[in-house]
C-alpha cells in the first residue's frame, strides 16, 4: 500500500454528485479529506490523504479526470 496526496480541482459545481460518487467507491482508502471552497474564483479544492495500492489510486484518478470540470492528480510518497 502506498500513501499519496491527491489534489482535486473542481470548477463545475454541477459535477459534485458524480465526484462524490467516485470518492465514495474508494472511501476505505481515504485517511483524511480537506475541502476549500474558493467561491469568488469559482473553484473548489479538495485534498485527500490516500493509502492504497498504486493501481487503486490510478484507477480513481482516471475516473475523476473524466468528470466535467474536475482535474485530479496524485503525489506519491517518497521511495
N, C-alpha and C. Protein backbone atom coordinates (compact mmCIF):
# COMPACT_ATOMS: atom_id res chain seq x y z
N UNK A 1 0.85 -1.17 0.00
CA UNK A 1 0.00 0.00 0.00
C UNK A 1 0.89 1.24 0.00
N UNK A 2 0.45 2.25 -0.69
CA UNK A 2 1.20 3.49 -0.81
C UNK A 2 0.39 4.62 -0.20
N UNK A 3 1.10 5.54 0.39
CA UNK A 3 0.48 6.77 0.87
C UNK A 3 0.64 7.81 -0.22
N UNK A 4 -0.44 8.50 -0.52
CA UNK A 4 -0.36 9.55 -1.53
C UNK A 4 -1.20 10.74 -1.08
N UNK A 5 -0.90 11.87 -1.66
CA UNK A 5 -1.72 13.06 -1.52
C UNK A 5 -2.38 13.27 -2.87
N UNK A 6 -3.70 13.33 -2.86
CA UNK A 6 -4.45 13.52 -4.09
C UNK A 6 -5.03 14.92 -4.08
N UNK A 7 -4.69 15.70 -5.09
CA UNK A 7 -5.25 17.05 -5.24
C UNK A 7 -6.33 17.03 -6.30
N UNK A 8 -7.47 17.63 -5.96
CA UNK A 8 -8.60 17.66 -6.89
C UNK A 8 -9.07 19.11 -7.02
N UNK A 9 -9.17 19.58 -8.25
CA UNK A 9 -9.71 20.91 -8.55
C UNK A 9 -11.07 20.73 -9.20
N UNK A 10 -12.05 21.45 -8.70
CA UNK A 10 -13.42 21.35 -9.22
C UNK A 10 -13.87 22.74 -9.66
N UNK A 11 -14.18 22.87 -10.96
CA UNK A 11 -14.65 24.16 -11.48
C UNK A 11 -16.12 24.12 -11.88
N UNK A 12 -16.72 22.96 -11.84
CA UNK A 12 -18.14 22.80 -12.19
C UNK A 12 -18.88 22.25 -10.98
N UNK A 13 -19.63 23.12 -10.30
CA UNK A 13 -20.37 22.68 -9.11
C UNK A 13 -21.35 21.56 -9.43
N UNK A 14 -21.90 21.55 -10.64
CA UNK A 14 -22.87 20.52 -11.02
C UNK A 14 -22.24 19.12 -11.07
N UNK A 15 -20.91 19.05 -11.08
CA UNK A 15 -20.21 17.77 -11.10
C UNK A 15 -20.04 17.15 -9.72
N UNK A 16 -20.43 17.87 -8.67
CA UNK A 16 -20.23 17.39 -7.29
C UNK A 16 -20.85 16.02 -7.01
N UNK A 17 -22.08 15.73 -7.43
CA UNK A 17 -22.63 14.40 -7.14
C UNK A 17 -21.81 13.27 -7.77
N UNK A 18 -21.38 13.45 -9.01
CA UNK A 18 -20.59 12.42 -9.68
C UNK A 18 -19.22 12.27 -9.02
N UNK A 19 -18.61 13.40 -8.67
CA UNK A 19 -17.33 13.39 -7.96
C UNK A 19 -17.45 12.64 -6.63
N UNK A 20 -18.47 12.98 -5.87
CA UNK A 20 -18.66 12.32 -4.57
C UNK A 20 -18.96 10.83 -4.72
N UNK A 21 -19.64 10.45 -5.79
CA UNK A 21 -19.91 9.03 -6.03
C UNK A 21 -18.60 8.26 -6.25
N UNK A 22 -17.68 8.85 -7.01
CA UNK A 22 -16.38 8.20 -7.23
C UNK A 22 -15.61 8.13 -5.91
N UNK A 23 -15.57 9.22 -5.16
CA UNK A 23 -14.86 9.21 -3.88
C UNK A 23 -15.45 8.17 -2.93
N UNK A 24 -16.77 8.01 -2.98
CA UNK A 24 -17.41 7.01 -2.12
C UNK A 24 -16.97 5.59 -2.46
N UNK A 25 -16.70 5.32 -3.73
CA UNK A 25 -16.22 3.99 -4.14
C UNK A 25 -14.90 3.64 -3.45
N UNK A 26 -14.12 4.66 -3.12
CA UNK A 26 -12.77 4.46 -2.56
C UNK A 26 -12.66 4.93 -1.11
N UNK A 27 -13.80 5.09 -0.43
CA UNK A 27 -13.79 5.65 0.93
C UNK A 27 -12.91 4.88 1.90
N UNK A 28 -12.77 3.58 1.70
CA UNK A 28 -11.99 2.77 2.64
C UNK A 28 -10.49 3.08 2.57
N UNK A 29 -10.06 3.78 1.53
CA UNK A 29 -8.65 4.14 1.39
C UNK A 29 -8.35 5.58 1.84
N UNK A 30 -9.40 6.35 2.09
CA UNK A 30 -9.23 7.76 2.45
C UNK A 30 -8.91 7.88 3.93
N UNK A 31 -7.77 8.46 4.24
CA UNK A 31 -7.36 8.65 5.64
C UNK A 31 -7.67 10.07 6.10
N UNK A 32 -7.82 10.99 5.17
CA UNK A 32 -8.15 12.36 5.51
C UNK A 32 -8.65 13.10 4.28
N UNK A 33 -9.53 14.08 4.51
CA UNK A 33 -10.09 14.86 3.41
C UNK A 33 -10.22 16.30 3.88
N UNK A 34 -9.78 17.22 3.03
CA UNK A 34 -9.87 18.64 3.32
C UNK A 34 -10.41 19.34 2.08
N UNK A 35 -11.44 20.14 2.26
CA UNK A 35 -12.02 20.87 1.14
C UNK A 35 -11.96 22.36 1.38
N UNK A 36 -11.65 23.10 0.33
CA UNK A 36 -11.56 24.55 0.42
C UNK A 36 -12.36 25.17 -0.72
N UNK A 37 -13.52 25.75 -0.41
CA UNK A 37 -14.29 26.42 -1.46
C UNK A 37 -13.72 27.80 -1.73
N UNK A 38 -13.40 28.07 -2.97
CA UNK A 38 -12.92 29.39 -3.39
C UNK A 38 -14.04 30.00 -4.24
N UNK A 39 -15.07 30.49 -3.56
CA UNK A 39 -16.30 30.92 -4.21
C UNK A 39 -16.05 32.02 -5.24
N UNK A 40 -15.30 33.04 -4.89
CA UNK A 40 -15.06 34.15 -5.81
C UNK A 40 -14.35 33.70 -7.08
N UNK A 41 -13.48 32.69 -6.94
CA UNK A 41 -12.72 32.18 -8.08
C UNK A 41 -13.48 31.10 -8.85
N UNK A 42 -14.62 30.65 -8.32
CA UNK A 42 -15.37 29.58 -8.98
C UNK A 42 -14.64 28.26 -8.94
N UNK A 43 -13.93 28.02 -7.86
CA UNK A 43 -13.07 26.83 -7.75
C UNK A 43 -13.22 26.20 -6.38
N UNK A 44 -13.28 24.90 -6.33
CA UNK A 44 -13.20 24.15 -5.08
C UNK A 44 -11.96 23.28 -5.15
N UNK A 45 -11.22 23.25 -4.05
CA UNK A 45 -10.01 22.46 -3.98
C UNK A 45 -10.21 21.40 -2.90
N UNK A 46 -9.95 20.15 -3.25
CA UNK A 46 -10.07 19.04 -2.31
C UNK A 46 -8.72 18.34 -2.23
N UNK A 47 -8.28 18.09 -1.02
CA UNK A 47 -7.04 17.34 -0.81
C UNK A 47 -7.38 16.08 -0.04
N UNK A 48 -6.90 14.93 -0.52
CA UNK A 48 -7.10 13.65 0.16
C UNK A 48 -5.75 13.08 0.58
N UNK A 49 -5.72 12.49 1.76
CA UNK A 49 -4.60 11.64 2.14
C UNK A 49 -5.14 10.23 1.90
N UNK A 50 -4.47 9.50 1.04
CA UNK A 50 -4.99 8.26 0.49
C UNK A 50 -3.96 7.17 0.71
N UNK A 51 -4.38 6.04 1.24
CA UNK A 51 -3.46 4.90 1.39
C UNK A 51 -4.08 3.71 0.70
N UNK A 52 -3.44 3.30 -0.40
CA UNK A 52 -3.99 2.24 -1.23
C UNK A 52 -2.91 1.70 -2.15
N UNK A 53 -3.16 0.55 -2.76
CA UNK A 53 -2.25 0.09 -3.81
C UNK A 53 -2.23 1.11 -4.96
N UNK A 54 -1.10 1.24 -5.61
CA UNK A 54 -0.96 2.22 -6.69
C UNK A 54 -2.04 2.03 -7.76
N UNK A 55 -2.40 0.80 -8.04
CA UNK A 55 -3.43 0.51 -9.04
C UNK A 55 -4.75 1.18 -8.68
N UNK A 56 -5.13 1.12 -7.42
CA UNK A 56 -6.38 1.72 -6.96
C UNK A 56 -6.33 3.25 -7.08
N UNK A 57 -5.19 3.82 -6.73
CA UNK A 57 -5.04 5.28 -6.81
C UNK A 57 -5.17 5.73 -8.26
N UNK A 58 -4.46 5.06 -9.15
CA UNK A 58 -4.50 5.43 -10.56
C UNK A 58 -5.90 5.26 -11.15
N UNK A 59 -6.59 4.20 -10.73
CA UNK A 59 -7.95 3.95 -11.21
C UNK A 59 -8.88 5.09 -10.78
N UNK A 60 -8.77 5.51 -9.53
CA UNK A 60 -9.62 6.59 -9.04
C UNK A 60 -9.32 7.90 -9.78
N UNK A 61 -8.03 8.20 -9.97
CA UNK A 61 -7.63 9.42 -10.68
C UNK A 61 -8.21 9.42 -12.09
N UNK A 62 -8.16 8.29 -12.78
CA UNK A 62 -8.72 8.20 -14.14
C UNK A 62 -10.21 8.49 -14.13
N UNK A 63 -10.93 7.91 -13.17
CA UNK A 63 -12.39 8.13 -13.07
C UNK A 63 -12.69 9.60 -12.78
N UNK A 64 -11.91 10.22 -11.93
CA UNK A 64 -12.16 11.62 -11.60
C UNK A 64 -11.90 12.53 -12.79
N UNK A 65 -10.85 12.24 -13.55
CA UNK A 65 -10.47 13.13 -14.65
C UNK A 65 -11.40 13.08 -15.84
N UNK A 66 -12.32 12.14 -15.90
CA UNK A 66 -13.30 12.15 -17.00
C UNK A 66 -14.55 12.94 -16.64
N UNK A 67 -14.66 13.37 -15.39
CA UNK A 67 -15.81 14.17 -14.96
C UNK A 67 -15.60 15.61 -15.41
N UNK A 68 -16.62 16.19 -16.01
CA UNK A 68 -16.54 17.57 -16.50
C UNK A 68 -16.21 18.53 -15.35
N UNK A 69 -15.20 19.36 -15.55
CA UNK A 69 -14.84 20.36 -14.56
C UNK A 69 -14.05 19.84 -13.38
N UNK A 70 -13.52 18.62 -13.49
CA UNK A 70 -12.73 18.02 -12.40
C UNK A 70 -11.36 17.64 -12.94
N UNK A 71 -10.33 18.02 -12.22
CA UNK A 71 -8.96 17.62 -12.53
C UNK A 71 -8.33 17.08 -11.26
N UNK A 72 -7.71 15.91 -11.36
CA UNK A 72 -7.11 15.28 -10.18
C UNK A 72 -5.72 14.77 -10.52
N UNK A 73 -4.87 14.79 -9.50
CA UNK A 73 -3.51 14.29 -9.66
C UNK A 73 -3.03 13.77 -8.31
N UNK A 74 -2.23 12.70 -8.35
CA UNK A 74 -1.69 12.11 -7.12
C UNK A 74 -0.20 12.40 -7.02
N UNK A 75 0.23 12.63 -5.80
CA UNK A 75 1.64 12.75 -5.49
C UNK A 75 1.97 11.61 -4.52
N UNK A 76 2.86 10.74 -4.90
CA UNK A 76 3.15 9.54 -4.11
C UNK A 76 4.24 9.79 -3.08
N UNK A 77 4.20 8.98 -2.05
CA UNK A 77 5.22 9.04 -1.00
C UNK A 77 6.60 8.84 -1.62
N UNK A 78 7.59 9.30 -0.92
CA UNK A 78 8.97 9.11 -1.39
C UNK A 78 9.37 7.67 -1.18
N UNK A 79 10.09 7.12 -2.15
CA UNK A 79 10.56 5.73 -2.03
C UNK A 79 11.91 5.71 -1.38
